Amino acid sequence: MLTNAFFALSLFPYLGFLYFMTRNPNTPRLALIGFYGTLVFVAVTIPAGLYAQQVYGTTLANVDGLHGGAEFFLTLANILIALGFRRALRESS
């Protein structure tokens, strides 16, 4: 259960990161949407993990359907971040 505490505590620095990225006018909008999408991943992962533990008696990583569904949100967020910075680099050239 120590990992759950670290997971929860890691949200505070990330929220600080989002605060400063949001205030920076140079942050690409699409990338910022992706960074916020990472919070969607967290919001989906926590209940999915609890569901996996209660229904299947195992961790989220061991329930392929739930794990894949949760990871989809992380993949989508990462794509948005990459595309946002790619667009910003192309526009600056």
N, C-alpha and C. Protein backbone atom coordinates (compact mmCIF):
# COMPACT_ATOMS: atom_id res chain seq x y z
N MET A 1 0.81 -1.20 0.00
CA MET A 1 0.00 0.00 0.00
C MET A 1 0.85 1.26 0.00
N LEU A 2 2.15 1.11 0.21
CA LEU A 2 3.04 2.26 0.16
C LEU A 2 3.07 2.87 -1.23
N THR A 3 2.92 2.02 -2.25
CA THR A 3 2.91 2.54 -3.62
C THR A 3 1.70 3.45 -3.85
N ASN A 4 0.58 3.13 -3.24
CA ASN A 4 -0.61 3.98 -3.37
C ASN A 4 -0.36 5.36 -2.77
N ALA A 5 0.35 5.40 -1.65
CA ALA A 5 0.66 6.69 -1.02
C ALA A 5 1.58 7.51 -1.92
N PHE A 6 2.59 6.87 -2.49
CA PHE A 6 3.50 7.58 -3.40
C PHE A 6 2.75 8.06 -4.64
N PHE A 7 1.86 7.23 -5.13
CA PHE A 7 1.07 7.60 -6.31
C PHE A 7 0.24 8.85 -6.01
N ALA A 8 -0.41 8.87 -4.87
CA ALA A 8 -1.23 10.02 -4.49
C ALA A 8 -0.37 11.26 -4.27
N LEU A 9 0.76 11.09 -3.61
CA LEU A 9 1.64 12.24 -3.35
C LEU A 9 2.26 12.80 -4.62
N SER A 10 2.42 11.96 -5.63
CA SER A 10 3.02 12.43 -6.88
C SER A 10 2.09 13.39 -7.62
N LEU A 11 0.83 13.42 -7.28
CA LEU A 11 -0.09 14.33 -7.93
C LEU A 11 0.21 15.80 -7.61
N PHE A 12 0.69 16.07 -6.41
CA PHE A 12 0.94 17.46 -6.02
C PHE A 12 2.02 18.13 -6.87
N PRO A 13 3.18 17.51 -7.08
CA PRO A 13 4.16 18.15 -7.97
C PRO A 13 3.62 18.27 -9.40
N TYR A 14 2.85 17.29 -9.83
CA TYR A 14 2.32 17.35 -11.20
C TYR A 14 1.31 18.49 -11.33
N LEU A 15 0.50 18.70 -10.32
CA LEU A 15 -0.45 19.82 -10.36
C LEU A 15 0.30 21.15 -10.37
N GLY A 16 1.43 21.22 -9.66
CA GLY A 16 2.26 22.42 -9.72
C GLY A 16 2.83 22.62 -11.10
N PHE A 17 3.29 21.54 -11.71
CA PHE A 17 3.78 21.59 -13.09
C PHE A 17 2.70 22.11 -14.03
N LEU A 18 1.49 21.59 -13.90
CA LEU A 18 0.38 22.04 -14.75
C LEU A 18 0.06 23.52 -14.51
N TYR A 19 0.14 23.93 -13.28
CA TYR A 19 -0.13 25.34 -12.96
C TYR A 19 0.82 26.25 -13.73
N PHE A 20 2.12 25.94 -13.67
CA PHE A 20 3.10 26.79 -14.34
C PHE A 20 3.04 26.65 -15.86
N MET A 21 2.77 25.47 -16.35
CA MET A 21 2.65 25.29 -17.80
C MET A 21 1.43 26.05 -18.33
N THR A 22 0.36 26.07 -17.56
CA THR A 22 -0.84 26.79 -17.98
C THR A 22 -0.60 28.30 -18.02
N ARG A 23 0.17 28.79 -17.09
CA ARG A 23 0.45 30.23 -17.02
C ARG A 23 1.47 30.68 -18.06
N ASN A 24 2.24 29.76 -18.61
CA ASN A 24 3.27 30.11 -19.59
C ASN A 24 2.62 30.27 -20.96
N PRO A 25 2.68 31.47 -21.55
CA PRO A 25 2.04 31.68 -22.85
C PRO A 25 2.73 30.94 -24.00
N ASN A 26 3.94 30.46 -23.77
CA ASN A 26 4.66 29.74 -24.83
C ASN A 26 4.33 28.26 -24.89
N THR A 27 3.57 27.77 -23.93
CA THR A 27 3.21 26.35 -23.93
C THR A 27 2.22 26.07 -25.06
N PRO A 28 2.55 25.13 -25.93
CA PRO A 28 1.62 24.79 -27.01
C PRO A 28 0.29 24.28 -26.45
N ARG A 29 -0.80 24.80 -26.97
CA ARG A 29 -2.14 24.45 -26.46
C ARG A 29 -2.42 22.95 -26.55
N LEU A 30 -2.08 22.34 -27.67
CA LEU A 30 -2.34 20.91 -27.83
C LEU A 30 -1.54 20.09 -26.82
N ALA A 31 -0.30 20.49 -26.58
CA ALA A 31 0.52 19.80 -25.59
C ALA A 31 -0.08 19.97 -24.19
N LEU A 32 -0.57 21.17 -23.91
CA LEU A 32 -1.18 21.42 -22.61
C LEU A 32 -2.42 20.54 -22.41
N ILE A 33 -3.20 20.39 -23.46
CA ILE A 33 -4.36 19.49 -23.40
C ILE A 33 -3.89 18.07 -23.09
N GLY A 34 -2.79 17.66 -23.71
CA GLY A 34 -2.23 16.34 -23.43
C GLY A 34 -1.78 16.19 -22.00
N PHE A 35 -1.13 17.24 -21.45
CA PHE A 35 -0.70 17.17 -20.06
C PHE A 35 -1.90 17.05 -19.12
N TYR A 36 -2.96 17.77 -19.43
CA TYR A 36 -4.18 17.63 -18.63
C TYR A 36 -4.83 16.26 -18.86
N GLY A 37 -4.65 15.71 -20.05
CA GLY A 37 -5.15 14.37 -20.34
C GLY A 37 -4.52 13.31 -19.46
N THR A 38 -3.31 13.58 -19.00
CA THR A 38 -2.66 12.66 -18.08
C THR A 38 -3.46 12.56 -16.78
N LEU A 39 -4.08 13.66 -16.39
CA LEU A 39 -4.95 13.61 -15.21
C LEU A 39 -6.18 12.73 -15.47
N VAL A 40 -6.65 12.73 -16.71
CA VAL A 40 -7.76 11.84 -17.06
C VAL A 40 -7.31 10.39 -16.90
N PHE A 41 -6.09 10.10 -17.33
CA PHE A 41 -5.53 8.76 -17.15
C PHE A 41 -5.54 8.37 -15.67
N VAL A 42 -5.10 9.27 -14.81
CA VAL A 42 -5.08 9.00 -13.37
C VAL A 42 -6.50 8.80 -12.85
N ALA A 43 -7.41 9.66 -13.31
CA ALA A 43 -8.80 9.56 -12.86
C ALA A 43 -9.45 8.25 -13.30
N VAL A 44 -9.03 7.71 -14.42
CA VAL A 44 -9.56 6.43 -14.91
C VAL A 44 -8.87 5.26 -14.22
N THR A 45 -7.57 5.40 -13.99
CA THR A 45 -6.78 4.30 -13.44
C THR A 45 -7.16 3.96 -12.01
N ILE A 46 -7.41 4.97 -11.20
CA ILE A 46 -7.70 4.70 -9.79
C ILE A 46 -8.96 3.85 -9.61
N PRO A 47 -10.11 4.25 -10.17
CA PRO A 47 -11.28 3.38 -10.00
C PRO A 47 -11.14 2.03 -10.72
N ALA A 48 -10.44 2.02 -11.85
CA ALA A 48 -10.24 0.74 -12.54
C ALA A 48 -9.40 -0.20 -11.69
N GLY A 49 -8.40 0.34 -11.01
CA GLY A 49 -7.58 -0.47 -10.12
C GLY A 49 -8.37 -1.00 -8.94
N LEU A 50 -9.21 -0.16 -8.38
CA LEU A 50 -10.07 -0.60 -7.28
C LEU A 50 -11.04 -1.67 -7.73
N TYR A 51 -11.60 -1.50 -8.92
CA TYR A 51 -12.52 -2.49 -9.48
C TYR A 51 -11.82 -3.82 -9.70
N ALA A 52 -10.62 -3.76 -10.26
CA ALA A 52 -9.86 -4.99 -10.51
C ALA A 52 -9.59 -5.72 -9.20
N GLN A 53 -9.25 -4.97 -8.17
CA GLN A 53 -8.96 -5.59 -6.87
C GLN A 53 -10.22 -6.21 -6.26
N GLN A 54 -11.34 -5.50 -6.34
CA GLN A 54 -12.57 -5.99 -5.72
C GLN A 54 -13.20 -7.15 -6.49
N VAL A 55 -13.25 -7.04 -7.81
CA VAL A 55 -13.96 -8.03 -8.61
C VAL A 55 -13.08 -9.22 -8.96
N TYR A 56 -11.83 -8.95 -9.34
CA TYR A 56 -10.95 -10.02 -9.81
C TYR A 56 -9.92 -10.45 -8.77
N GLY A 57 -9.78 -9.70 -7.70
CA GLY A 57 -8.84 -10.05 -6.65
C GLY A 57 -7.39 -9.91 -7.06
N THR A 58 -7.11 -9.04 -8.01
CA THR A 58 -5.74 -8.85 -8.48
C THR A 58 -5.54 -7.39 -8.86
N THR A 59 -4.33 -7.07 -9.26
CA THR A 59 -4.03 -5.68 -9.62
C THR A 59 -4.54 -5.37 -11.02
N LEU A 60 -4.61 -4.09 -11.31
CA LEU A 60 -5.08 -3.63 -12.62
C LEU A 60 -4.21 -4.19 -13.74
N ALA A 61 -2.92 -4.28 -13.52
CA ALA A 61 -2.00 -4.76 -14.56
C ALA A 61 -2.32 -6.19 -14.99
N ASN A 62 -2.99 -6.95 -14.16
CA ASN A 62 -3.30 -8.34 -14.48
C ASN A 62 -4.67 -8.53 -15.12
N VAL A 63 -5.42 -7.47 -15.32
CA VAL A 63 -6.74 -7.55 -15.96
C VAL A 63 -6.63 -6.81 -17.29
N ASP A 64 -6.37 -7.57 -18.34
CA ASP A 64 -6.01 -6.98 -19.63
C ASP A 64 -7.02 -5.96 -20.15
N GLY A 65 -8.29 -6.26 -20.09
CA GLY A 65 -9.29 -5.34 -20.63
C GLY A 65 -9.31 -4.01 -19.91
N LEU A 66 -9.28 -4.06 -18.59
CA LEU A 66 -9.27 -2.82 -17.81
C LEU A 66 -7.95 -2.07 -17.97
N HIS A 67 -6.86 -2.82 -17.95
CA HIS A 67 -5.55 -2.20 -18.07
C HIS A 67 -5.39 -1.53 -19.43
N GLY A 68 -5.80 -2.21 -20.47
CA GLY A 68 -5.72 -1.63 -21.82
C GLY A 68 -6.58 -0.40 -21.96
N GLY A 69 -7.77 -0.43 -21.38
CA GLY A 69 -8.65 0.73 -21.43
C GLY A 69 -8.06 1.93 -20.71
N ALA A 70 -7.45 1.69 -19.56
CA ALA A 70 -6.83 2.78 -18.82
C ALA A 70 -5.61 3.32 -19.57
N GLU A 71 -4.80 2.42 -20.10
CA GLU A 71 -3.60 2.84 -20.83
C GLU A 71 -3.93 3.60 -22.10
N PHE A 72 -5.10 3.38 -22.65
CA PHE A 72 -5.52 4.13 -23.84
C PHE A 72 -5.49 5.63 -23.56
N PHE A 73 -5.95 6.02 -22.38
CA PHE A 73 -5.98 7.44 -22.04
C PHE A 73 -4.57 8.02 -21.91
N LEU A 74 -3.64 7.23 -21.39
CA LEU A 74 -2.25 7.69 -21.30
C LEU A 74 -1.64 7.82 -22.69
N THR A 75 -1.91 6.85 -23.55
CA THR A 75 -1.41 6.91 -24.92
C THR A 75 -1.95 8.12 -25.66
N LEU A 76 -3.23 8.37 -25.52
CA LEU A 76 -3.84 9.54 -26.16
C LEU A 76 -3.21 10.83 -25.65
N ALA A 77 -3.00 10.93 -24.35
CA ALA A 77 -2.37 12.13 -23.78
C ALA A 77 -0.96 12.31 -24.33
N ASN A 78 -0.20 11.22 -24.42
CA ASN A 78 1.17 11.31 -24.94
C ASN A 78 1.19 11.74 -26.40
N ILE A 79 0.26 11.25 -27.18
CA ILE A 79 0.18 11.65 -28.59
C ILE A 79 -0.12 13.14 -28.70
N LEU A 80 -1.04 13.63 -27.89
CA LEU A 80 -1.37 15.05 -27.92
C LEU A 80 -0.17 15.91 -27.52
N ILE A 81 0.57 15.48 -26.52
CA ILE A 81 1.77 16.21 -26.11
C ILE A 81 2.78 16.26 -27.24
N ALA A 82 3.05 15.11 -27.84
CA ALA A 82 4.03 15.05 -28.93
C ALA A 82 3.59 15.90 -30.12
N LEU A 83 2.33 15.79 -30.50
CA LEU A 83 1.84 16.58 -31.64
C LEU A 83 1.86 18.08 -31.33
N GLY A 84 1.55 18.44 -30.10
CA GLY A 84 1.57 19.84 -29.72
C GLY A 84 2.95 20.45 -29.83
N PHE A 85 3.96 19.75 -29.32
CA PHE A 85 5.32 20.27 -29.41
C PHE A 85 5.85 20.19 -30.84
N ARG A 86 5.45 19.18 -31.57
CA ARG A 86 5.86 19.08 -32.98
C ARG A 86 5.35 20.29 -33.76
N ARG A 87 4.08 20.61 -33.55
CA ARG A 87 3.49 21.76 -34.23
C ARG A 87 4.21 23.05 -33.83
N ALA A 88 4.51 23.18 -32.55
CA ALA A 88 5.20 24.39 -32.07
C ALA A 88 6.59 24.51 -32.69
N LEU A 89 7.29 23.40 -32.81
CA LEU A 89 8.62 23.43 -33.42
C LEU A 89 8.54 23.80 -34.90
N ARG A 90 7.56 23.27 -35.59
CA ARG A 90 7.40 23.60 -37.01
C ARG A 90 7.02 25.06 -37.22
N GLU A 91 6.19 25.60 -36.33
CA GLU A 91 5.79 26.99 -36.46
C GLU A 91 6.92 27.95 -36.12
N SER A 92 7.86 27.50 -35.28
CA SER A 92 8.97 28.38 -34.91
C SER A 92 10.08 28.39 -35.95
N SER A 93 10.06 27.46 -36.88
CA SER A 93 11.12 27.38 -37.90
C SER A 93 10.89 28.37 -39.01
